[in-house]
Amino acid sequence: MTSPKSISGRESEEISAEQRIPDKNRLALRRKILGRLVRSLVVGLWVMFIAFSLLRITPGDPIRLALGTDATEEAIQVMRDRFGLNKPFLIQFFEYFTGFFTGDLGFSIFSQRQVSEIIATHLPVTVMIIVLSVGGAILLAVPIALSVALSRRPQVTYFFRTATSISLALPGFFLALLGLLFFGTILYWVPAAGYQGEFPGNLKYLWLPALVNCFVLVPILSRVLHSSLMDTLDEEFVETGVIRGVSKIKFYWSYMLRPSLAPTVVLISYMVGIMIGGTVVMETIFSLPGIGRELIEAVSTRDYAVVQGSVMIFGFIVVFTSFVGDLLGYLLDRRVTLS
């Protein structure tokens, strides 16, 4: 016969083994998160290097553009020495790399302002447009995809796919011009020009550009979420929730939306780069003082410091949001793996 002491010993060993499994899972998760963080830092370094070197391999001299055609060679050389453009390429990049960690992104050749000051002034406008666009897209895409998935009617699904295809086919700049014409000159719901920087007064200038961006985001997000919801509805745990008679709010969130939102959240994080490009167009059409419009002007004048600083900030935003999106996707659905 087995003694009670040996039985209790086996039980304690089984309990300790069960406790070690979560510890191993947490350790593996930490390693994956650390690996993704290191990968993000490496990608950010490459973004910095590419942003620094792009304009330097394109034709055009920013110093001659800044001083004009009547500038003497002596004045040009003095200006180049002032901005360190006569130094070797790698030395320039090393000085820029070390200055980045102290907040020194250089000076604009044309305005003589610090690039960090330019970015701090114009970046909030761009970020607010992106936040409003993503927030509005989520508020629209989730109920649309959920209602179409729950209806299970072929007519509703066909209309949904047709409407999203039409919305994707319409260019953003065309919708922006129509919106500015209709809401700005006919209904007077949005100012046709100008900008007020203080919140919440600036929302009357930003809601229309954000709405136009939503027409690009909503069809994509709603289609991805609808496809994910249809897969989730075929899972056995959904039938279990119906049998248990859980409340509608808990059923929609715990049994349907939460397992289905992970691909959509990851997609949103990767579409931030596309949103930045669309926001640049919106800022140009609506004459908004965002960093995207400032970047376009800097590219046309070959303003090295402003271009590389703006592109670098955009790159870090995309890398950071991609990293956060992967983590949120894992927290929403533990079946998602962090590669």
Protein backbone atom coordinates (compact mmCIF):
# COMPACT_ATOMS: atom_id res chain seq x y z
CA MET A 1 0.00 0.00 0.00
CA THR A 2 1.08 3.51 -0.74
CA SER A 3 1.63 5.59 2.34
CA PRO A 4 -0.19 8.92 2.83
CA LYS A 5 3.16 10.68 2.91
CA SER A 6 4.04 9.47 -0.60
CA ILE A 7 0.62 10.54 -1.93
CA SER A 8 0.99 14.01 -0.46
CA GLY A 9 4.49 14.18 -1.91
CA ARG A 10 3.20 13.38 -5.40
CA GLU A 11 0.46 15.98 -5.08
CA SER A 12 2.97 18.60 -4.04
CA GLU A 13 5.17 17.68 -7.01
CA GLU A 14 2.19 18.00 -9.38
CA ILE A 15 1.26 21.39 -7.89
CA SER A 16 4.82 22.64 -8.20
CA ALA A 17 4.95 21.42 -11.81
CA GLU A 18 1.71 23.29 -12.58
CA GLN A 19 3.18 26.43 -11.02
CA ARG A 20 6.32 26.14 -13.13
CA ILE A 21 4.33 26.12 -16.41
CA PRO A 22 3.02 29.71 -16.05
CA ASP A 23 6.50 30.82 -15.01
CA LYS A 24 7.94 29.33 -18.20
CA ASN A 25 5.21 31.00 -20.25
CA ARG A 26 5.92 34.36 -18.65
CA LEU A 27 9.64 33.93 -19.25
CA ALA A 28 9.05 33.07 -22.91
CA LEU A 29 6.73 36.05 -23.28
CA ARG A 30 9.32 38.37 -21.75
CA ARG A 31 11.95 37.06 -24.12
CA LYS A 32 9.69 37.62 -27.11
CA ILE A 33 8.80 41.14 -25.96
CA LEU A 34 12.47 41.92 -25.40
CA GLY A 35 13.28 40.53 -28.85
CA ARG A 36 10.59 42.67 -30.47
CA LEU A 37 11.87 45.70 -28.57
CA VAL A 38 15.43 45.12 -29.77
CA ARG A 39 14.15 44.61 -33.32
CA SER A 40 12.20 47.87 -33.09
CA LEU A 41 15.31 49.72 -31.94
CA VAL A 42 17.31 48.28 -34.85
CA VAL A 43 14.59 49.30 -37.32
CA GLY A 44 14.53 52.77 -35.73
CA LEU A 45 18.30 53.06 -36.24
CA TRP A 46 17.93 52.13 -39.91
CA VAL A 47 15.12 54.69 -40.26
CA MET A 48 17.43 57.33 -38.83
CA PHE A 49 20.23 56.37 -41.24
CA ILE A 50 17.93 56.33 -44.29
CA ALA A 51 16.31 59.63 -43.33
CA PHE A 52 19.77 61.16 -42.92
CA SER A 53 21.16 59.91 -46.24
CA LEU A 54 18.18 60.21 -48.62
CA LEU A 55 18.49 63.90 -49.48
CA ARG A 56 22.27 63.75 -49.63
CA ILE A 57 22.16 61.37 -52.59
CA THR A 58 19.63 63.50 -54.50
CA PRO A 59 20.77 66.35 -56.75
CA GLY A 60 20.52 69.90 -55.46
CA ASP A 61 22.46 72.11 -53.05
CA PRO A 62 20.39 73.51 -50.16
CA ILE A 63 23.02 76.17 -49.42
CA ARG A 64 22.81 77.62 -52.92
CA LEU A 65 19.01 77.53 -52.73
CA ALA A 66 19.07 79.35 -49.40
CA LEU A 67 21.59 82.06 -50.45
CA GLY A 68 20.32 82.53 -54.00
CA THR A 69 22.06 82.65 -57.34
CA ASP A 70 24.00 85.83 -56.49
CA ALA A 71 25.86 84.25 -53.56
CA THR A 72 29.66 84.11 -53.74
CA GLU A 73 31.66 80.90 -53.31
CA GLU A 74 33.14 82.27 -50.09
CA ALA A 75 29.69 82.82 -48.60
CA ILE A 76 28.62 79.33 -49.69
CA GLN A 77 31.66 77.72 -48.06
CA VAL A 78 31.10 79.67 -44.84
CA MET A 79 27.49 78.50 -44.78
CA ARG A 80 28.48 74.89 -45.46
CA ASP A 81 31.04 75.00 -42.65
CA ARG A 82 28.43 76.44 -40.30
CA PHE A 83 26.06 73.53 -40.88
CA GLY A 84 28.84 70.94 -41.05
CA LEU A 85 28.13 69.93 -44.65
CA ASN A 86 31.83 69.92 -45.60
CA LYS A 87 32.57 67.05 -43.22
CA PRO A 88 32.63 63.41 -44.39
CA PHE A 89 29.30 61.66 -44.52
CA LEU A 90 29.94 59.21 -41.66
CA ILE A 91 31.18 62.00 -39.38
CA GLN A 92 28.03 64.00 -40.11
CA PHE A 93 25.88 60.98 -39.29
CA PHE A 94 27.77 60.25 -36.07
CA GLU A 95 27.35 63.84 -34.88
CA TYR A 96 23.67 63.70 -35.77
CA PHE A 97 23.26 60.33 -34.03
CA THR A 98 24.89 61.53 -30.81
CA GLY A 99 22.99 64.81 -30.92
CA PHE A 100 19.69 62.98 -31.19
CA PHE A 101 20.00 61.62 -27.65
CA THR A 102 20.49 65.15 -26.31
CA GLY A 103 17.52 66.54 -28.24
CA ASP A 104 19.70 68.32 -30.81
CA LEU A 105 18.26 67.63 -34.29
CA GLY A 106 20.09 70.51 -35.93
CA PHE A 107 18.94 73.83 -37.36
CA SER A 108 16.84 74.65 -40.40
CA ILE A 109 18.93 76.14 -43.20
CA PHE A 110 16.19 78.54 -44.24
CA SER A 111 14.39 79.58 -41.04
CA GLN A 112 17.44 79.17 -38.73
CA ARG A 113 15.13 77.56 -36.17
CA GLN A 114 15.89 74.40 -34.24
CA VAL A 115 14.35 71.33 -35.84
CA SER A 116 13.16 70.12 -32.45
CA GLU A 117 11.24 73.38 -32.05
CA ILE A 118 9.69 73.01 -35.53
CA ILE A 119 8.62 69.44 -34.80
CA ALA A 120 7.22 70.36 -31.37
CA THR A 121 5.17 73.14 -32.98
CA HIS A 122 3.74 71.26 -35.97
CA LEU A 123 3.66 67.59 -34.89
CA PRO A 124 0.64 67.90 -32.51
CA VAL A 125 -1.60 68.90 -35.43
CA THR A 126 -0.65 65.78 -37.39
CA VAL A 127 -0.94 63.50 -34.37
CA MET A 128 -4.38 64.87 -33.51
CA ILE A 129 -5.64 64.25 -37.06
CA ILE A 130 -4.36 60.67 -36.92
CA VAL A 131 -5.89 60.06 -33.48
CA LEU A 132 -9.26 61.47 -34.58
CA SER A 133 -9.13 59.42 -37.79
CA VAL A 134 -8.32 56.14 -36.04
CA GLY A 135 -10.82 56.77 -33.24
CA GLY A 136 -13.59 57.65 -35.67
CA ALA A 137 -12.76 54.66 -37.87
CA ILE A 138 -12.99 52.28 -34.90
CA LEU A 139 -16.32 53.76 -33.78
CA LEU A 140 -17.72 53.26 -37.28
CA ALA A 141 -16.08 49.97 -38.30
CA VAL A 142 -16.94 47.93 -35.19
CA PRO A 143 -20.76 48.34 -35.28
CA ILE A 144 -20.84 47.99 -39.08
CA ALA A 145 -18.85 44.74 -39.08
CA LEU A 146 -20.74 43.38 -36.07
CA SER A 147 -24.18 44.10 -37.52
CA VAL A 148 -23.29 42.57 -40.91
CA ALA A 149 -21.80 39.47 -39.25
CA LEU A 150 -24.84 38.94 -37.01
CA SER A 151 -27.35 39.44 -39.81
CA ARG A 152 -25.97 36.51 -41.87
CA ARG A 153 -28.11 37.69 -44.78
CA PRO A 154 -26.53 37.46 -48.24
CA GLN A 155 -28.14 40.73 -49.35
CA VAL A 156 -26.62 42.63 -46.42
CA THR A 157 -23.19 41.07 -47.01
CA TYR A 158 -23.35 41.91 -50.74
CA PHE A 159 -24.31 45.52 -50.03
CA PHE A 160 -21.54 45.74 -47.42
CA ARG A 161 -18.86 44.49 -49.82
CA THR A 162 -20.10 46.75 -52.62
CA ALA A 163 -20.16 49.87 -50.42
CA THR A 164 -16.69 49.22 -49.03
CA SER A 165 -15.30 48.62 -52.54
CA ILE A 166 -16.73 51.94 -53.74
CA SER A 167 -15.34 53.73 -50.71
CA LEU A 168 -11.87 52.26 -51.32
CA ALA A 169 -12.00 53.27 -54.99
CA LEU A 170 -12.59 56.96 -54.23
CA PRO A 171 -9.32 58.94 -53.85
CA GLY A 172 -8.84 60.73 -50.55
CA PHE A 173 -7.91 64.07 -52.11
CA PHE A 174 -11.11 64.00 -54.21
CA LEU A 175 -13.24 63.41 -51.12
CA ALA A 176 -11.34 66.18 -49.31
CA LEU A 177 -12.07 68.68 -52.08
CA LEU A 178 -15.75 67.70 -52.16
CA GLY A 179 -15.98 67.95 -48.39
CA LEU A 180 -14.30 71.35 -48.37
CA LEU A 181 -16.66 72.57 -51.09
CA PHE A 182 -19.81 71.24 -49.42
CA PHE A 183 -19.10 71.77 -45.71
CA GLY A 184 -16.90 74.85 -46.12
CA THR A 185 -18.59 76.99 -48.78
CA ILE A 186 -22.21 75.77 -48.73
CA LEU A 187 -23.02 74.73 -45.16
CA TYR A 188 -20.22 76.73 -43.47
CA TRP A 189 -19.68 73.94 -40.94
CA VAL A 190 -15.91 74.13 -41.30
CA PRO A 191 -13.65 77.16 -41.95
CA ALA A 192 -12.29 77.19 -45.50
CA ALA A 193 -8.89 78.43 -44.30
CA GLY A 194 -6.95 79.32 -41.16
CA TYR A 195 -6.27 77.44 -37.95
CA GLN A 196 -6.75 77.88 -34.22
CA GLY A 197 -4.24 75.95 -32.17
CA GLU A 198 -5.99 75.76 -28.82
CA PHE A 199 -8.12 72.78 -27.84
CA PRO A 200 -11.10 72.35 -28.31
CA GLY A 201 -11.32 75.25 -30.76
CA ASN A 202 -9.02 73.42 -33.19
CA LEU A 203 -11.49 70.56 -33.59
CA LYS A 204 -13.62 72.59 -36.00
CA TYR A 205 -10.59 72.67 -38.33
CA LEU A 206 -9.61 69.01 -37.86
CA TRP A 207 -12.85 67.01 -37.88
CA LEU A 208 -13.32 67.14 -41.67
CA PRO A 209 -9.76 65.95 -42.55
CA ALA A 210 -10.18 63.17 -39.99
CA LEU A 211 -13.55 62.23 -41.51
CA VAL A 212 -12.01 61.99 -44.98
CA ASN A 213 -9.30 59.71 -43.61
CA CYS A 214 -12.04 57.55 -42.09
CA PHE A 215 -13.32 56.77 -45.60
CA VAL A 216 -9.99 55.07 -46.22
CA LEU A 217 -9.76 53.26 -42.88
CA VAL A 218 -13.36 52.14 -42.28
CA PRO A 219 -13.73 49.87 -45.36
CA ILE A 220 -10.46 48.06 -44.64
CA LEU A 221 -11.01 47.69 -40.88
CA SER A 222 -14.66 46.66 -41.23
CA ARG A 223 -13.81 44.01 -43.83
CA VAL A 224 -11.02 42.52 -41.73
CA LEU A 225 -13.16 42.59 -38.59
CA HIS A 226 -16.14 41.11 -40.43
CA SER A 227 -14.03 38.22 -41.73
CA SER A 228 -12.64 37.61 -38.24
CA LEU A 229 -16.12 37.73 -36.71
CA MET A 230 -17.41 35.17 -39.19
CA ASP A 231 -14.60 32.81 -38.19
CA THR A 232 -15.33 33.41 -34.50
CA LEU A 233 -19.04 32.65 -34.93
CA ASP A 234 -18.11 29.15 -36.07
CA GLU A 235 -16.19 28.44 -32.84
CA GLU A 236 -17.72 26.13 -30.21
CA PHE A 237 -17.27 28.57 -27.31
CA VAL A 238 -19.76 30.96 -28.99
CA GLU A 239 -22.45 28.28 -28.79
CA THR A 240 -21.44 27.73 -25.17
CA GLY A 241 -22.05 31.42 -24.43
CA VAL A 242 -25.50 31.22 -26.01
CA ILE A 243 -26.38 28.11 -24.01
CA ARG A 244 -25.19 29.66 -20.76
CA GLY A 245 -27.43 32.66 -21.40
CA VAL A 246 -24.82 35.35 -20.73
CA SER A 247 -25.78 38.99 -21.01
CA LYS A 248 -25.65 40.65 -24.42
CA ILE A 249 -22.84 43.01 -23.45
CA LYS A 250 -20.67 40.17 -22.15
CA PHE A 251 -21.52 37.99 -25.16
CA TYR A 252 -20.67 40.65 -27.71
CA TRP A 253 -17.40 41.59 -25.99
CA SER A 254 -16.05 38.37 -24.45
CA TYR A 255 -17.34 35.84 -26.95
CA MET A 256 -17.27 37.80 -30.22
CA LEU A 257 -15.38 41.08 -30.29
CA ARG A 258 -12.42 40.32 -28.06
CA PRO A 259 -11.31 37.15 -29.93
CA SER A 260 -11.92 38.92 -33.26
CA LEU A 261 -10.33 42.30 -32.59
CA ALA A 262 -6.72 41.10 -32.50
CA PRO A 263 -6.17 41.11 -36.32
CA THR A 264 -7.90 44.49 -36.58
CA VAL A 265 -5.76 46.06 -33.84
CA VAL A 266 -2.57 44.76 -35.45
CA LEU A 267 -3.76 46.07 -38.82
CA ILE A 268 -4.43 49.52 -37.34
CA SER A 269 -0.92 49.68 -35.93
CA TYR A 270 0.59 48.84 -39.32
CA MET A 271 -1.68 51.30 -41.15
CA VAL A 272 -0.38 54.27 -39.18
CA GLY A 273 2.24 54.78 -41.90
CA ILE A 274 -0.52 54.97 -44.52
CA MET A 275 -2.41 57.38 -42.29
CA ILE A 276 0.65 59.63 -42.08
CA GLY A 277 0.78 59.82 -45.87
CA GLY A 278 -2.94 60.58 -46.06
CA THR A 279 -2.62 63.22 -43.36
CA VAL A 280 0.10 64.99 -45.34
CA VAL A 281 -2.36 65.32 -48.24
CA MET A 282 -5.11 66.55 -45.90
CA GLU A 283 -2.82 69.17 -44.37
CA THR A 284 -1.96 70.49 -47.82
CA ILE A 285 -5.58 70.66 -49.01
CA PHE A 286 -6.97 72.19 -45.81
CA SER A 287 -3.90 74.46 -45.23
CA LEU A 288 -3.23 73.01 -41.78
CA PRO A 289 0.11 73.76 -40.08
CA GLY A 290 1.06 70.12 -39.54
CA ILE A 291 4.45 68.50 -39.75
CA GLY A 292 3.50 66.82 -43.05
CA ARG A 293 3.01 70.13 -44.81
CA GLU A 294 6.26 71.38 -43.27
CA LEU A 295 8.00 68.25 -44.60
CA ILE A 296 6.80 68.89 -48.16
CA GLU A 297 8.14 72.44 -48.07
CA ALA A 298 11.44 71.21 -46.63
CA VAL A 299 11.82 68.60 -49.38
CA SER A 300 11.24 71.21 -52.09
CA THR A 301 13.96 73.43 -50.61
CA ARG A 302 16.36 70.58 -49.68
CA ASP A 303 16.31 71.61 -46.03
CA TYR A 304 18.31 68.63 -44.77
CA ALA A 305 17.77 68.97 -41.05
CA VAL A 306 13.99 69.44 -41.23
CA VAL A 307 13.50 66.57 -43.68
CA GLN A 308 15.62 64.06 -41.80
CA GLY A 309 14.12 65.07 -38.46
CA SER A 310 10.53 64.81 -39.73
CA VAL A 311 11.06 61.50 -41.53
CA MET A 312 12.83 60.09 -38.50
CA ILE A 313 9.98 61.08 -36.17
CA PHE A 314 7.43 59.53 -38.55
CA GLY A 315 9.51 56.36 -38.70
CA PHE A 316 9.73 56.08 -34.93
CA ILE A 317 5.97 56.61 -34.63
CA VAL A 318 5.32 53.76 -37.07
CA VAL A 319 7.80 51.45 -35.32
CA PHE A 320 6.37 52.26 -31.88
CA THR A 321 2.73 51.79 -32.92
CA SER A 322 3.58 48.49 -34.63
CA PHE A 323 5.22 47.25 -31.43
CA VAL A 324 2.27 48.35 -29.28
CA GLY A 325 -0.21 46.88 -31.77
CA ASP A 326 1.42 43.45 -31.58
CA LEU A 327 1.29 43.53 -27.79
CA LEU A 328 -2.36 44.61 -27.74
CA GLY A 329 -3.22 41.89 -30.24
CA TYR A 330 -1.64 39.31 -27.95
CA LEU A 331 -3.46 40.64 -24.87
CA LEU A 332 -6.81 40.54 -26.68
CA ASP A 333 -6.30 37.02 -27.99
CA ARG A 334 -3.62 34.80 -26.44
CA ARG A 335 -3.70 32.64 -29.55
CA VAL A 336 -1.78 35.40 -31.32
CA THR A 337 1.96 34.68 -31.33
CA LEU A 338 4.66 37.30 -31.02
CA SER A 339 7.05 36.39 -33.83
